[in-house]
Amino acid sequence: MDLLLDNRIALVAAASQGLGYAAALQLSREGALVAICSRDEARIAAAADAIQAETSRPVLGVPADVARPEDVEHLMERVVGEYGGLDILITNAGGPPARPFEEVTVEVWQSAFEITLLSAVRLIQAALPHLRLSTVPSVLTITSYSVKQPIPNLVLSNSVRMAVIGLTKTLSRELGAEGIRFNSILPGWTETERTHELMQDRASRNDTTVEEEIARQAASIALGRFATPQEFANVATFLCSPAASYLTGQMLLVDGGLVAGTM
């Protein structure tokens, strides 16, 4: 199936590793002109080089902290200056720390709000003038299955990611008449650095091992295992591609059947 991504311009935030990197790599494999960002200059340069080495497609790596307004502005200027426009935006950011409600200070709440919600707001605001000039504009937010089924000790993620879902759904309605699509992927447990950190946190709290915690969590998933980043990337690439032109306002679980609810 042709996803119609050849020479489409895509920006993927927080893409030096994990789900962002996997999505950027797959977009590049499909022929897109990809830009990626991360707070760590060395890591984003290495990620850009690795994708370009595999796909032989141009990849722009920009050091940027998406929680900083000036960094988001500079990032968009670099992308549009390099490629001449923007067709696809994938918002993403590092997850808030794992801890229960009573261990979370107001300052940590504010930080989670900035990095999780306001980073998406700022990226979309900066991208909109350029997306309006595209013939196939699409925005994909990466959230979590926790918006459907809260995860223990992740009160920050459980709460703030719901706001990103509200933003995504609202913008799909407000900007649908302009042809700009807004969707979100709600990933389940995936083999990433973030997941390993969360399993380590559980193991320390429960006096178990990481392997035991992974096995326990996998047993609750219908498919009996965690996803690979590639499995996430395949869905993300399709959903933000022109091949999915009639999909908007969708909150798509990619969780291996973990969430038991029907809605």
C-alpha atoms as a PDB file:
ATOM      1  CA  MET A   1       0.000   0.000   0.000  1.00  0.00           C
ATOM      2  CA  ASP A   2       1.332   3.409  -0.983  1.00  0.00           C
ATOM      3  CA  LEU A   3       1.056   5.768   1.997  1.00  0.00           C
ATOM      4  CA  LEU A   4       1.671   8.770  -0.300  1.00  0.00           C
ATOM      5  CA  LEU A   5       4.468  10.043   1.916  1.00  0.00           C
ATOM      6  CA  ASP A   6       7.181  10.604  -0.669  1.00  0.00           C
ATOM      7  CA  ASN A   7       8.754  14.035  -0.022  1.00  0.00           C
ATOM      8  CA  ARG A   8       6.114  14.955   2.553  1.00  0.00           C
ATOM      9  CA  ILE A   9       7.643  17.036   5.341  1.00  0.00           C
ATOM     10  CA  ALA A  10       7.274  15.615   8.842  1.00  0.00           C
ATOM     11  CA  LEU A  11       8.410  16.918  12.216  1.00  0.00           C
ATOM     12  CA  VAL A  12       8.604  14.438  15.092  1.00  0.00           C
ATOM     13  CA  ALA A  13       9.259  15.830  18.559  1.00  0.00           C
ATOM     14  CA  ALA A  14      11.271  14.034  21.263  1.00  0.00           C
ATOM     15  CA  ALA A  15      12.641  11.573  18.727  1.00  0.00           C
ATOM     16  CA  SER A  16      16.149  10.719  19.858  1.00  0.00           C
ATOM     17  CA  GLN A  17      14.861   7.371  21.160  1.00  0.00           C
ATOM     18  CA  GLY A  18      11.722   5.383  21.909  1.00  0.00           C
ATOM     19  CA  LEU A  19       8.403   5.906  20.155  1.00  0.00           C
ATOM     20  CA  GLY A  20       9.411   9.207  18.576  1.00  0.00           C
ATOM     21  CA  TYR A  21      12.527   7.711  17.021  1.00  0.00           C
ATOM     22  CA  ALA A  22      10.615   4.685  15.730  1.00  0.00           C
ATOM     23  CA  ALA A  23       7.982   6.905  14.095  1.00  0.00           C
ATOM     24  CA  ALA A  24      10.588   9.165  12.516  1.00  0.00           C
ATOM     25  CA  LEU A  25      12.493   6.189  11.139  1.00  0.00           C
ATOM     26  CA  GLN A  26       9.385   4.656   9.575  1.00  0.00           C
ATOM     27  CA  LEU A  27       8.321   7.973   8.044  1.00  0.00           C
ATOM     28  CA  SER A  28      11.771   8.264   6.494  1.00  0.00           C
ATOM     29  CA  ARG A  29      11.558   4.697   5.178  1.00  0.00           C
ATOM     30  CA  GLU A  30       8.309   5.695   3.476  1.00  0.00           C
ATOM     31  CA  GLY A  31      10.039   8.585   1.697  1.00  0.00           C
ATOM     32  CA  ALA A  32       9.196  11.538   3.946  1.00  0.00           C
ATOM     33  CA  LEU A  33      11.579  14.412   4.629  1.00  0.00           C
ATOM     34  CA  VAL A  34      11.941  14.116   8.385  1.00  0.00           C
ATOM     35  CA  ALA A  35      12.965  16.558  11.097  1.00  0.00           C
ATOM     36  CA  ILE A  36      13.458  15.441  14.694  1.00  0.00           C
ATOM     37  CA  CYS A  37      14.249  17.183  17.954  1.00  0.00           C
ATOM     38  CA  SER A  38      15.463  16.405  21.461  1.00  0.00           C
ATOM     39  CA  ARG A  39      16.949  18.337  24.372  1.00  0.00           C
ATOM     40  CA  ASP A  40      20.269  16.463  24.027  1.00  0.00           C
ATOM     41  CA  GLU A  41      22.269  17.821  21.094  1.00  0.00           C
ATOM     42  CA  ALA A  42      24.587  14.811  20.810  1.00  0.00           C
ATOM     43  CA  ARG A  43      21.760  12.273  20.956  1.00  0.00           C
ATOM     44  CA  ILE A  44      19.578  14.025  18.386  1.00  0.00           C
ATOM     45  CA  ALA A  45      22.534  14.337  16.018  1.00  0.00           C
ATOM     46  CA  ALA A  46      23.274  10.625  16.431  1.00  0.00           C
ATOM     47  CA  ALA A  47      19.610   9.736  15.855  1.00  0.00           C
ATOM     48  CA  ALA A  48      19.438  11.845  12.705  1.00  0.00           C
ATOM     49  CA  ASP A  49      22.639  10.248  11.382  1.00  0.00           C
ATOM     50  CA  ALA A  50      21.328   6.742  12.116  1.00  0.00           C
ATOM     51  CA  ILE A  51      18.027   7.306  10.302  1.00  0.00           C
ATOM     52  CA  GLN A  52      19.732   8.912   7.328  1.00  0.00           C
ATOM     53  CA  ALA A  53      22.269   6.092   7.140  1.00  0.00           C
ATOM     54  CA  GLU A  54      19.492   3.501   6.964  1.00  0.00           C
ATOM     55  CA  THR A  55      17.094   5.267   4.602  1.00  0.00           C
ATOM     56  CA  SER A  56      19.386   7.525   2.538  1.00  0.00           C
ATOM     57  CA  ARG A  57      16.810  10.279   3.016  1.00  0.00           C
ATOM     58  CA  PRO A  58      17.497  13.766   4.406  1.00  0.00           C
ATOM     59  CA  VAL A  59      16.982  14.010   8.172  1.00  0.00           C
ATOM     60  CA  LEU A  60      17.242  17.251  10.113  1.00  0.00           C
ATOM     61  CA  GLY A  61      18.158  16.930  13.786  1.00  0.00           C
ATOM     62  CA  VAL A  62      17.524  20.008  15.925  1.00  0.00           C
ATOM     63  CA  PRO A  63      18.350  20.329  19.634  1.00  0.00           C
ATOM     64  CA  ALA A  64      15.230  21.753  21.285  1.00  0.00           C
ATOM     65  CA  ASP A  65      13.396  21.564  24.587  1.00  0.00           C
ATOM     66  CA  VAL A  66       9.696  21.536  23.658  1.00  0.00           C
ATOM     67  CA  ALA A  67       8.825  22.943  27.107  1.00  0.00           C
ATOM     68  CA  ARG A  68      10.604  26.196  26.153  1.00  0.00           C
ATOM     69  CA  PRO A  69       8.638  28.570  23.853  1.00  0.00           C
ATOM     70  CA  GLU A  70      11.796  30.009  22.291  1.00  0.00           C
ATOM     71  CA  ASP A  71      13.062  26.522  21.446  1.00  0.00           C
ATOM     72  CA  VAL A  72       9.790  25.599  19.735  1.00  0.00           C
ATOM     73  CA  GLU A  73       9.913  28.803  17.680  1.00  0.00           C
ATOM     74  CA  HIS A  74      13.512  28.147  16.670  1.00  0.00           C
ATOM     75  CA  LEU A  75      12.691  24.513  15.833  1.00  0.00           C
ATOM     76  CA  MET A  76       9.882  25.471  13.467  1.00  0.00           C
ATOM     77  CA  GLU A  77      12.074  28.087  11.792  1.00  0.00           C
ATOM     78  CA  ARG A  78      14.772  25.472  11.196  1.00  0.00           C
ATOM     79  CA  VAL A  79      12.344  22.928   9.745  1.00  0.00           C
ATOM     80  CA  VAL A  80      10.600  25.356   7.395  1.00  0.00           C
ATOM     81  CA  GLY A  81      13.903  26.959   6.444  1.00  0.00           C
ATOM     82  CA  GLU A  82      15.400  23.572   5.573  1.00  0.00           C
ATOM     83  CA  TYR A  83      12.443  21.937   3.828  1.00  0.00           C
ATOM     84  CA  GLY A  84      10.220  24.842   2.794  1.00  0.00           C
ATOM     85  CA  GLY A  85       7.073  23.858   4.675  1.00  0.00           C
ATOM     86  CA  LEU A  86       5.383  21.279   6.884  1.00  0.00           C
ATOM     87  CA  ASP A  87       2.825  18.547   6.206  1.00  0.00           C
ATOM     88  CA  ILE A  88       2.917  16.370   9.331  1.00  0.00           C
ATOM     89  CA  LEU A  89       3.481  17.144  12.990  1.00  0.00           C
ATOM     90  CA  ILE A  90       3.875  14.465  15.664  1.00  0.00           C
ATOM     91  CA  THR A  91       3.843  15.934  19.158  1.00  0.00           C
ATOM     92  CA  ASN A  92       5.702  13.988  21.800  1.00  0.00           C
ATOM     93  CA  ALA A  93       7.619  14.585  25.032  1.00  0.00           C
ATOM     94  CA  GLY A  94       9.285  12.658  27.803  1.00  0.00           C
ATOM     95  CA  GLY A  95       6.827  11.190  30.292  1.00  0.00           C
ATOM     96  CA  PRO A  96       6.286  12.704  33.765  1.00  0.00           C
ATOM     97  CA  PRO A  97       7.907  10.912  36.711  1.00  0.00           C
ATOM     98  CA  ALA A  98       6.266   7.892  38.310  1.00  0.00           C
ATOM     99  CA  ARG A  99       4.936   8.547  41.803  1.00  0.00           C
ATOM    100  CA  PRO A 100       1.636   8.485  43.722  1.00  0.00           C
ATOM    101  CA  PHE A 101      -0.391  11.637  44.383  1.00  0.00           C
ATOM    102  CA  GLU A 102       0.921  12.371  47.873  1.00  0.00           C
ATOM    103  CA  GLU A 103       4.530  12.381  46.638  1.00  0.00           C
ATOM    104  CA  VAL A 104       3.877  14.997  43.936  1.00  0.00           C
ATOM    105  CA  THR A 105       4.599  18.641  44.716  1.00  0.00           C
ATOM    106  CA  VAL A 106       2.901  21.567  43.001  1.00  0.00           C
ATOM    107  CA  GLU A 107       6.185  22.332  41.264  1.00  0.00           C
ATOM    108  CA  VAL A 108       6.268  18.828  39.758  1.00  0.00           C
ATOM    109  CA  TRP A 109       2.646  19.231  38.646  1.00  0.00           C
ATOM    110  CA  GLN A 110       3.590  22.480  36.913  1.00  0.00           C
ATOM    111  CA  SER A 111       6.535  20.835  35.188  1.00  0.00           C
ATOM    112  CA  ALA A 112       4.342  17.956  33.954  1.00  0.00           C
ATOM    113  CA  PHE A 113       1.782  20.454  32.665  1.00  0.00           C
ATOM    114  CA  GLU A 114       4.491  22.331  30.741  1.00  0.00           C
ATOM    115  CA  ILE A 115       6.172  19.301  29.185  1.00  0.00           C
ATOM    116  CA  THR A 116       3.076  17.216  28.459  1.00  0.00           C
ATOM    117  CA  LEU A 117       0.286  19.640  27.543  1.00  0.00           C
ATOM    118  CA  LEU A 118       1.832  23.020  26.787  1.00  0.00           C
ATOM    119  CA  SER A 119       4.552  21.469  24.620  1.00  0.00           C
ATOM    120  CA  ALA A 120       1.798  20.089  22.361  1.00  0.00           C
ATOM    121  CA  VAL A 121      -0.031  23.432  22.406  1.00  0.00           C
ATOM    122  CA  ARG A 122       3.104  25.353  21.443  1.00  0.00           C
ATOM    123  CA  LEU A 123       4.125  22.934  18.722  1.00  0.00           C
ATOM    124  CA  ILE A 124       0.663  23.039  17.154  1.00  0.00           C
ATOM    125  CA  GLN A 125       0.481  26.829  17.390  1.00  0.00           C
ATOM    126  CA  ALA A 126       3.862  27.159  15.685  1.00  0.00           C
ATOM    127  CA  ALA A 127       2.970  24.590  13.021  1.00  0.00           C
ATOM    128  CA  LEU A 128      -0.499  25.840  12.081  1.00  0.00           C
ATOM    129  CA  PRO A 129       0.537  28.603   9.638  1.00  0.00           C
ATOM    130  CA  HIS A 130       2.592  26.070   7.711  1.00  0.00           C
ATOM    131  CA  LEU A 131       0.065  23.235   7.935  1.00  0.00           C
ATOM    132  CA  ARG A 132      -2.526  25.577   6.422  1.00  0.00           C
ATOM    133  CA  LEU A 133      -0.338  25.781   3.305  1.00  0.00           C
ATOM    134  CA  SER A 134      -0.119  21.990   2.982  1.00  0.00           C
ATOM    135  CA  THR A 135      -2.440  19.909   0.816  1.00  0.00           C
ATOM    136  CA  VAL A 136      -2.270  16.986   3.274  1.00  0.00           C
ATOM    137  CA  PRO A 137      -1.915  18.501   6.774  1.00  0.00           C
ATOM    138  CA  SER A 138      -1.967  16.129   9.724  1.00  0.00           C
ATOM    139  CA  VAL A 139      -1.195  16.291  13.433  1.00  0.00           C
ATOM    140  CA  LEU A 140      -0.671  13.225  15.594  1.00  0.00           C
ATOM    141  CA  THR A 141      -0.378  13.462  19.377  1.00  0.00           C
ATOM    142  CA  ILE A 142       1.231  10.614  21.296  1.00  0.00           C
ATOM    143  CA  THR A 143      -0.505  10.073  24.624  1.00  0.00           C
ATOM    144  CA  SER A 144      -1.089   6.818  26.552  1.00  0.00           C
ATOM    145  CA  TYR A 145      -3.643   4.116  27.245  1.00  0.00           C
ATOM    146  CA  SER A 146      -3.758   5.658  30.720  1.00  0.00           C
ATOM    147  CA  VAL A 147      -6.388   8.107  29.445  1.00  0.00           C
ATOM    148  CA  LYS A 148      -8.709   5.085  29.200  1.00  0.00           C
ATOM    149  CA  GLN A 149      -7.445   3.105  32.166  1.00  0.00           C
ATOM    150  CA  PRO A 150      -5.318   4.904  34.794  1.00  0.00           C
ATOM    151  CA  ILE A 151      -1.968   3.342  35.650  1.00  0.00           C
ATOM    152  CA  PRO A 152      -0.934   2.991  39.322  1.00  0.00           C
ATOM    153  CA  ASN A 153       1.663   5.520  40.569  1.00  0.00           C
ATOM    154  CA  LEU A 154       1.344   7.595  37.381  1.00  0.00           C
ATOM    155  CA  VAL A 155      -1.057  10.274  38.573  1.00  0.00           C
ATOM    156  CA  LEU A 156       0.766  12.949  36.554  1.00  0.00           C
ATOM    157  CA  SER A 157       0.569  11.060  33.270  1.00  0.00           C
ATOM    158  CA  ASN A 158      -2.962   9.830  33.973  1.00  0.00           C
ATOM    159  CA  SER A 159      -4.159  13.397  34.537  1.00  0.00           C
ATOM    160  CA  VAL A 160      -2.270  15.628  32.126  1.00  0.00           C
ATOM    161  CA  ARG A 161      -2.434  13.320  29.105  1.00  0.00           C
ATOM    162  CA  MET A 162      -6.223  13.520  29.287  1.00  0.00           C
ATOM    163  CA  ALA A 163      -5.855  17.234  28.568  1.00  0.00           C
ATOM    164  CA  VAL A 164      -3.880  16.413  25.414  1.00  0.00           C
ATOM    165  CA  ILE A 165      -6.745  14.171  24.311  1.00  0.00           C
ATOM    166  CA  GLY A 166      -9.197  17.036  24.916  1.00  0.00           C
ATOM    167  CA  LEU A 167      -6.983  19.323  22.855  1.00  0.00           C
ATOM    168  CA  THR A 168      -6.684  16.819  20.010  1.00  0.00           C
ATOM    169  CA  LYS A 169     -10.403  16.120  19.792  1.00  0.00           C
ATOM    170  CA  THR A 170     -11.317  19.799  20.005  1.00  0.00           C
ATOM    171  CA  LEU A 171      -8.916  20.808  17.254  1.00  0.00           C
ATOM    172  CA  SER A 172     -10.184  18.013  14.999  1.00  0.00           C
ATOM    173  CA  ARG A 173     -13.570  19.754  15.182  1.00  0.00           C
ATOM    174  CA  GLU A 174     -12.350  23.349  15.039  1.00  0.00           C
ATOM    175  CA  LEU A 175      -9.956  22.865  12.122  1.00  0.00           C
ATOM    176  CA  GLY A 176     -11.584  20.007  10.251  1.00  0.00           C
ATOM    177  CA  ALA A 177     -13.196  22.398   7.771  1.00  0.00           C
ATOM    178  CA  GLU A 178      -9.690  23.492   6.771  1.00  0.00           C
ATOM    179  CA  GLY A 179      -8.727  19.893   6.056  1.00  0.00           C
ATOM    180  CA  ILE A 180      -6.281  19.617   8.945  1.00  0.00           C
ATOM    181  CA  ARG A 181      -6.559  16.207  10.608  1.00  0.00           C
ATOM    182  CA  PHE A 182      -5.901  15.667  14.319  1.00  0.00           C
ATOM    183  CA  ASN A 183      -5.568  12.189  15.806  1.00  0.00           C
ATOM    184  CA  SER A 184      -3.932  10.596  18.829  1.00  0.00           C
ATOM    185  CA  ILE A 185      -2.331   7.233  19.493  1.00  0.00           C
ATOM    186  CA  LEU A 186      -2.769   5.762  22.962  1.00  0.00           C
ATOM    187  CA  PRO A 187       0.169   3.357  23.252  1.00  0.00           C
ATOM    188  CA  GLY A 188       0.158   0.460  25.654  1.00  0.00           C
ATOM    189  CA  TRP A 189       3.281  -1.136  27.102  1.00  0.00           C
ATOM    190  CA  THR A 190       6.039  -0.945  24.510  1.00  0.00           C
ATOM    191  CA  GLU A 191       9.684  -1.993  24.658  1.00  0.00           C
ATOM    192  CA  THR A 192      11.222   1.439  25.211  1.00  0.00           C
ATOM    193  CA  GLU A 193      13.574   3.116  27.651  1.00  0.00           C
ATOM    194  CA  ARG A 194      10.605   4.799  29.356  1.00  0.00           C
ATOM    195  CA  THR A 195       8.879   1.453  29.925  1.00  0.00           C
ATOM    196  CA  HIS A 196      12.046  -0.017  31.409  1.00  0.00           C
ATOM    197  CA  GLU A 197      12.276   2.923  33.818  1.00  0.00           C
ATOM    198  CA  LEU A 198       8.662   2.400  34.913  1.00  0.00           C
ATOM    199  CA  MET A 199       9.250  -1.314  35.431  1.00  0.00           C
ATOM    200  CA  GLN A 200      12.326  -0.492  37.510  1.00  0.00           C
ATOM    201  CA  ASP A 201      10.223   1.864  39.643  1.00  0.00           C
ATOM    202  CA  ARG A 202       7.635  -0.867  40.209  1.00  0.00           C
ATOM    203  CA  ALA A 203      10.300  -3.403  41.075  1.00  0.00           C
ATOM    204  CA  SER A 204      11.816  -1.091  43.697  1.00  0.00           C
ATOM    205  CA  ARG A 205       8.401  -0.353  45.235  1.00  0.00           C
ATOM    206  CA  ASN A 206       7.306  -4.013  45.236  1.00  0.00           C
ATOM    207  CA  ASP A 207      10.671  -5.566  46.155  1.00  0.00           C
ATOM    208  CA  THR A 208      10.658  -7.628  42.975  1.00  0.00           C
ATOM    209  CA  THR A 209      12.742  -7.708  39.802  1.00  0.00           C
ATOM    210  CA  VAL A 210      12.203  -5.862  36.532  1.00  0.00           C
ATOM    211  CA  GLU A 211      11.717  -9.212  34.802  1.00  0.00           C
ATOM    212  CA  GLU A 212       8.973 -10.167  37.264  1.00  0.00           C
ATOM    213  CA  GLU A 213       7.182  -6.866  36.756  1.00  0.00           C
ATOM    214  CA  ILE A 214       7.357  -7.181  32.973  1.00  0.00           C
ATOM    215  CA  ALA A 215       5.954 -10.715  33.127  1.00  0.00           C
ATOM    216  CA  ARG A 216       3.152  -9.613  35.460  1.00  0.00           C
ATOM    217  CA  GLN A 217       2.181  -6.704  33.205  1.00  0.00           C
ATOM    218  CA  ALA A 218       2.411  -8.798  30.026  1.00  0.00           C
ATOM    219  CA  ALA A 219       0.002 -11.316  31.538  1.00  0.00           C
ATOM    220  CA  SER A 220      -2.683  -8.597  31.627  1.00  0.00           C
ATOM    221  CA  ILE A 221      -2.371  -7.937  27.881  1.00  0.00           C
ATOM    222  CA  ALA A 222      -4.580  -9.918  25.494  1.00  0.00           C
ATOM    223  CA  LEU A 223      -1.633 -10.661  23.190  1.00  0.00           C
ATOM    224  CA  GLY A 224       0.512 -11.608  26.196  1.00  0.00           C
ATOM    225  CA  ARG A 225       3.480  -9.395  25.413  1.00  0.00           C
ATOM    226  CA  PHE A 226       4.725  -5.830  25.096  1.00  0.00           C
ATOM    227  CA  ALA A 227       4.709  -4.096  21.708  1.00  0.00           C
ATOM    228  CA  THR A 228       7.846  -3.386  19.749  1.00  0.00           C
ATOM    229  CA  PRO A 229       8.519   0.245  18.792  1.00  0.00           C
ATOM    230  CA  GLN A 230       8.143  -0.820  15.155  1.00  0.00           C
ATOM    231  CA  GLU A 231       4.582  -1.986  15.777  1.00  0.00           C
ATOM    232  CA  PHE A 232       3.758   1.438  17.171  1.00  0.00           C
ATOM    233  CA  ALA A 233       5.546   3.188  14.310  1.00  0.00           C
ATOM    234  CA  ASN A 234       3.610   1.269  11.658  1.00  0.00           C
ATOM    235  CA  VAL A 235       0.308   2.558  13.043  1.00  0.00           C
ATOM    236  CA  ALA A 236       1.599   6.096  13.608  1.00  0.00           C
ATOM    237  CA  THR A 237       2.946   6.357  10.079  1.00  0.00           C
ATOM    238  CA  PHE A 238      -0.331   5.249   8.540  1.00  0.00           C
ATOM    239  CA  LEU A 239      -2.470   7.462  10.760  1.00  0.00           C
ATOM    240  CA  CYS A 240      -0.620  10.671   9.916  1.00  0.00           C
ATOM    241  CA  SER A 241      -0.186   9.792   6.235  1.00  0.00           C
ATOM    242  CA  PRO A 242      -2.411  10.954   3.354  1.00  0.00           C
ATOM    243  CA  ALA A 243      -3.556   7.331   3.028  1.00  0.00           C
ATOM    244  CA  ALA A 244      -5.617   7.902   6.194  1.00  0.00           C
ATOM    245  CA  SER A 245      -7.277  11.002   4.727  1.00  0.00           C
ATOM    246  CA  TYR A 246     -10.739  10.374   6.233  1.00  0.00           C
ATOM    247  CA  LEU A 247      -9.541   9.650   9.772  1.00  0.00           C
ATOM    248  CA  THR A 248      -9.667  12.554  12.185  1.00  0.00           C
ATOM    249  CA  GLY A 249     -10.588  12.991  15.831  1.00  0.00           C
ATOM    250  CA  GLN A 250      -9.592   9.383  16.518  1.00  0.00           C
ATOM    251  CA  MET A 251      -8.024   8.248  19.779  1.00  0.00           C
ATOM    252  CA  LEU A 252      -6.504   4.940  18.704  1.00  0.00           C
ATOM    253  CA  LEU A 253      -5.383   2.360  21.238  1.00  0.00           C
ATOM    254  CA  VAL A 254      -2.239   0.477  20.244  1.00  0.00           C
ATOM    255  CA  ASP A 255      -2.171  -1.678  23.347  1.00  0.00           C
ATOM    256  CA  GLY A 256      -2.334  -5.335  22.330  1.00  0.00           C
ATOM    257  CA  GLY A 257      -5.815  -5.613  23.822  1.00  0.00           C
ATOM    258  CA  LEU A 258      -4.839  -4.429  27.303  1.00  0.00           C
ATOM    259  CA  VAL A 259      -7.772  -2.055  27.888  1.00  0.00           C
ATOM    260  CA  ALA A 260     -10.863  -4.157  28.516  1.00  0.00           C
ATOM    261  CA  GLY A 261     -13.469  -1.472  27.879  1.00  0.00           C
ATOM    262  CA  THR A 262     -15.486  -1.370  24.660  1.00  0.00           C
ATOM    263  CA  MET A 263     -15.379   2.419  24.185  1.00  0.00           C
END
